[in-house]
Amino acid sequence: QVQLVESGGGLVQAGGSLRLSCAASERTFSNYITAWFRQAPGKEREFVAALSWSGSSTYYHDSVEGRFTISRDNIENMVYLQMNSLNAEDTAVYYCAARPAAYIARYDYQGSYNYWGQGTQVTVSS
């Protein structure tokens, strides 16, 4: 069982930056694909970004491409989401997710992710 704990959310002005962190309990975390999803008030949870187990491949939702960067540290069992040029539409609860690398599925398919964090709130004021 992998436990994921997000941190780093908060209130930021439009145009600002935040860095979200996700700490994983699994020592073999390098064998997992990791992703970030978000859920805005009144909306369904949506894909934000994903990272292959090796860190060599990244995938982004069109709305965050060029502004957000997903990365990982397999030694520290951490996943990060650097968010720049934030705008009000980025306001949401952000969730870290993970699944075994052997599970082949679309990176943006949230049903494929076995493990989820509790979420961290990001609020962007305009």
C-alpha atoms as a PDB file:
ATOM      1  CA  GLN A   1       0.000   0.000   0.000  1.00  0.00           C
ATOM      2  CA  VAL A   2       1.459   3.322  -1.089  1.00  0.00           C
ATOM      3  CA  GLN A   3       0.621   6.378   0.954  1.00  0.00           C
ATOM      4  CA  LEU A   4       0.857   9.773  -0.709  1.00  0.00           C
ATOM      5  CA  VAL A   5       0.910  13.068   1.154  1.00  0.00           C
ATOM      6  CA  GLU A   6       0.708  16.378  -0.688  1.00  0.00           C
ATOM      7  CA  SER A   7       1.935  19.719   0.585  1.00  0.00           C
ATOM      8  CA  GLY A   8       2.747  23.164  -0.706  1.00  0.00           C
ATOM      9  CA  GLY A   9      -0.695  24.478  -1.543  1.00  0.00           C
ATOM     10  CA  GLY A  10      -1.842  27.918  -0.530  1.00  0.00           C
ATOM     11  CA  LEU A  11      -3.056  31.314  -1.643  1.00  0.00           C
ATOM     12  CA  VAL A  12      -1.160  33.090  -4.403  1.00  0.00           C
ATOM     13  CA  GLN A  13      -1.825  36.077  -6.617  1.00  0.00           C
ATOM     14  CA  ALA A  14      -2.410  35.687 -10.305  1.00  0.00           C
ATOM     15  CA  GLY A  15       0.889  35.473 -12.128  1.00  0.00           C
ATOM     16  CA  GLY A  16       2.607  33.946  -9.138  1.00  0.00           C
ATOM     17  CA  SER A  17       4.138  30.533  -8.571  1.00  0.00           C
ATOM     18  CA  LEU A  18       3.753  27.591  -6.230  1.00  0.00           C
ATOM     19  CA  ARG A  19       5.542  24.292  -5.874  1.00  0.00           C
ATOM     20  CA  LEU A  20       3.533  21.304  -4.774  1.00  0.00           C
ATOM     21  CA  SER A  21       5.212  18.300  -3.217  1.00  0.00           C
ATOM     22  CA  CYS A  22       4.042  14.726  -2.839  1.00  0.00           C
ATOM     23  CA  ALA A  23       5.790  12.378  -0.433  1.00  0.00           C
ATOM     24  CA  ALA A  24       5.427   8.646  -1.023  1.00  0.00           C
ATOM     25  CA  SER A  25       5.784   5.935   1.575  1.00  0.00           C
ATOM     26  CA  GLU A  26       6.843   3.235  -0.876  1.00  0.00           C
ATOM     27  CA  ARG A  27      10.567   2.499  -0.989  1.00  0.00           C
ATOM     28  CA  THR A  28      10.233   1.148  -4.546  1.00  0.00           C
ATOM     29  CA  PHE A  29       8.483   4.301  -5.669  1.00  0.00           C
ATOM     30  CA  SER A  30      10.728   4.445  -8.711  1.00  0.00           C
ATOM     31  CA  ASN A  31       8.613   1.605 -10.130  1.00  0.00           C
ATOM     32  CA  TYR A  32       5.495   3.782 -10.164  1.00  0.00           C
ATOM     33  CA  ILE A  33       4.059   6.195 -12.668  1.00  0.00           C
ATOM     34  CA  THR A  34       3.027   9.405 -10.929  1.00  0.00           C
ATOM     35  CA  ALA A  35       0.580  12.125 -11.807  1.00  0.00           C
ATOM     36  CA  TRP A  36      -1.197  15.223 -10.596  1.00  0.00           C
ATOM     37  CA  PHE A  37      -4.916  15.788 -10.944  1.00  0.00           C
ATOM     38  CA  ARG A  38      -7.050  18.688  -9.768  1.00  0.00           C
ATOM     39  CA  GLN A  39     -10.652  19.375  -8.938  1.00  0.00           C
ATOM     40  CA  ALA A  40     -12.111  22.848  -9.055  1.00  0.00           C
ATOM     41  CA  PRO A  41     -15.309  23.747  -7.185  1.00  0.00           C
ATOM     42  CA  GLY A  42     -18.334  22.343  -8.963  1.00  0.00           C
ATOM     43  CA  LYS A  43     -16.237  20.523 -11.552  1.00  0.00           C
ATOM     44  CA  GLU A  44     -15.027  17.004 -12.089  1.00  0.00           C
ATOM     45  CA  ARG A  45     -11.478  16.054 -11.264  1.00  0.00           C
ATOM     46  CA  GLU A  46      -9.190  16.509 -14.251  1.00  0.00           C
ATOM     47  CA  PHE A  47      -5.739  15.448 -15.337  1.00  0.00           C
ATOM     48  CA  VAL A  48      -2.922  17.955 -14.925  1.00  0.00           C
ATOM     49  CA  ALA A  49       0.390  16.196 -15.522  1.00  0.00           C
ATOM     50  CA  ALA A  50       2.059  12.784 -15.417  1.00  0.00           C
ATOM     51  CA  LEU A  51       5.573  11.453 -15.296  1.00  0.00           C
ATOM     52  CA  SER A  52       6.944   8.096 -16.348  1.00  0.00           C
ATOM     53  CA  TRP A  53       8.630   5.896 -13.766  1.00  0.00           C
ATOM     54  CA  SER A  54      12.074   6.852 -15.090  1.00  0.00           C
ATOM     55  CA  GLY A  55      11.245  10.531 -15.269  1.00  0.00           C
ATOM     56  CA  SER A  56      12.188  10.638 -18.926  1.00  0.00           C
ATOM     57  CA  SER A  57       8.661  11.249 -20.260  1.00  0.00           C
ATOM     58  CA  THR A  58       6.203  13.908 -19.195  1.00  0.00           C
ATOM     59  CA  TYR A  59       2.596  14.551 -20.150  1.00  0.00           C
ATOM     60  CA  TYR A  60       0.568  17.702 -19.579  1.00  0.00           C
ATOM     61  CA  HIS A  61      -2.953  18.937 -19.999  1.00  0.00           C
ATOM     62  CA  ASP A  62      -3.068  21.591 -22.698  1.00  0.00           C
ATOM     63  CA  SER A  63      -4.155  24.217 -20.181  1.00  0.00           C
ATOM     64  CA  VAL A  64      -0.951  23.898 -18.143  1.00  0.00           C
ATOM     65  CA  GLU A  65       1.578  23.062 -20.875  1.00  0.00           C
ATOM     66  CA  GLY A  66       4.478  25.490 -20.673  1.00  0.00           C
ATOM     67  CA  ARG A  67       3.481  26.760 -17.221  1.00  0.00           C
ATOM     68  CA  PHE A  68       3.650  23.641 -15.038  1.00  0.00           C
ATOM     69  CA  THR A  69       6.517  21.188 -14.652  1.00  0.00           C
ATOM     70  CA  ILE A  70       6.255  17.755 -13.075  1.00  0.00           C
ATOM     71  CA  SER A  71       9.374  16.133 -11.692  1.00  0.00           C
ATOM     72  CA  ARG A  72      10.397  13.428  -9.267  1.00  0.00           C
ATOM     73  CA  ASP A  73      13.201  12.416  -6.956  1.00  0.00           C
ATOM     74  CA  ASN A  74      13.258   8.630  -6.743  1.00  0.00           C
ATOM     75  CA  ILE A  75      15.860   8.665  -3.994  1.00  0.00           C
ATOM     76  CA  GLU A  76      13.728  10.812  -1.726  1.00  0.00           C
ATOM     77  CA  ASN A  77      10.446   9.259  -2.992  1.00  0.00           C
ATOM     78  CA  MET A  78       9.087  12.669  -3.898  1.00  0.00           C
ATOM     79  CA  VAL A  79       7.058  14.069  -6.771  1.00  0.00           C
ATOM     80  CA  TYR A  80       6.809  17.777  -7.472  1.00  0.00           C
ATOM     81  CA  LEU A  81       4.617  20.090  -9.480  1.00  0.00           C
ATOM     82  CA  GLN A  82       6.136  23.481 -10.190  1.00  0.00           C
ATOM     83  CA  MET A  83       3.353  25.865 -11.149  1.00  0.00           C
ATOM     84  CA  ASN A  84       4.183  29.212 -12.766  1.00  0.00           C
ATOM     85  CA  SER A  85       2.074  31.998 -14.232  1.00  0.00           C
ATOM     86  CA  LEU A  86      -0.903  30.899 -12.179  1.00  0.00           C
ATOM     87  CA  ASN A  87      -4.334  32.225 -12.983  1.00  0.00           C
ATOM     88  CA  ALA A  88      -7.756  32.012 -11.369  1.00  0.00           C
ATOM     89  CA  GLU A  89      -8.662  28.965 -13.480  1.00  0.00           C
ATOM     90  CA  ASP A  90      -5.913  27.031 -11.694  1.00  0.00           C
ATOM     91  CA  THR A  91      -7.774  27.292  -8.390  1.00  0.00           C
ATOM     92  CA  ALA A  92      -8.531  23.742  -7.281  1.00  0.00           C
ATOM     93  CA  VAL A  93      -7.661  20.958  -4.911  1.00  0.00           C
ATOM     94  CA  TYR A  94      -4.600  19.229  -6.334  1.00  0.00           C
ATOM     95  CA  TYR A  95      -4.137  15.485  -5.902  1.00  0.00           C
ATOM     96  CA  CYS A  96      -1.056  13.354  -6.296  1.00  0.00           C
ATOM     97  CA  ALA A  97      -1.641   9.886  -7.756  1.00  0.00           C
ATOM     98  CA  ALA A  98       0.447   6.821  -8.513  1.00  0.00           C
ATOM     99  CA  ARG A  99       0.174   3.439 -10.171  1.00  0.00           C
ATOM    100  CA  PRO A 100       2.612   0.606 -10.861  1.00  0.00           C
ATOM    101  CA  ALA A 101       4.638   1.178 -14.018  1.00  0.00           C
ATOM    102  CA  ALA A 102       3.632  -2.234 -15.320  1.00  0.00           C
ATOM    103  CA  TYR A 103       0.010  -1.108 -15.614  1.00  0.00           C
ATOM    104  CA  ILE A 104      -0.439   0.076 -19.195  1.00  0.00           C
ATOM    105  CA  ALA A 105      -3.093   2.751 -19.598  1.00  0.00           C
ATOM    106  CA  ARG A 106      -3.509   6.332 -20.694  1.00  0.00           C
ATOM    107  CA  TYR A 107      -1.639   8.684 -18.422  1.00  0.00           C
ATOM    108  CA  ASP A 108      -4.657  10.938 -18.092  1.00  0.00           C
ATOM    109  CA  TYR A 109      -7.059   8.146 -17.143  1.00  0.00           C
ATOM    110  CA  GLN A 110      -7.615   8.684 -13.450  1.00  0.00           C
ATOM    111  CA  GLY A 111      -9.283   5.296 -13.037  1.00  0.00           C
ATOM    112  CA  SER A 112      -5.904   3.679 -13.697  1.00  0.00           C
ATOM    113  CA  TYR A 113      -4.296   5.168 -10.597  1.00  0.00           C
ATOM    114  CA  ASN A 114      -4.402   2.963  -7.523  1.00  0.00           C
ATOM    115  CA  TYR A 115      -3.108   5.418  -4.973  1.00  0.00           C
ATOM    116  CA  TRP A 116      -4.181   8.944  -4.166  1.00  0.00           C
ATOM    117  CA  GLY A 117      -3.211  11.608  -1.704  1.00  0.00           C
ATOM    118  CA  GLN A 118      -5.660  13.630   0.342  1.00  0.00           C
ATOM    119  CA  GLY A 119      -5.223  16.749  -1.770  1.00  0.00           C
ATOM    120  CA  THR A 120      -3.871  20.228  -1.210  1.00  0.00           C
ATOM    121  CA  GLN A 121      -5.780  23.429  -1.892  1.00  0.00           C
ATOM    122  CA  VAL A 122      -4.437  25.963  -4.364  1.00  0.00           C
ATOM    123  CA  THR A 123      -6.217  29.288  -4.552  1.00  0.00           C
ATOM    124  CA  VAL A 124      -5.236  31.932  -7.085  1.00  0.00           C
ATOM    125  CA  SER A 125      -6.565  35.417  -6.470  1.00  0.00           C
ATOM    126  CA  SER A 126      -7.122  37.666  -9.453  1.00  0.00           C
END
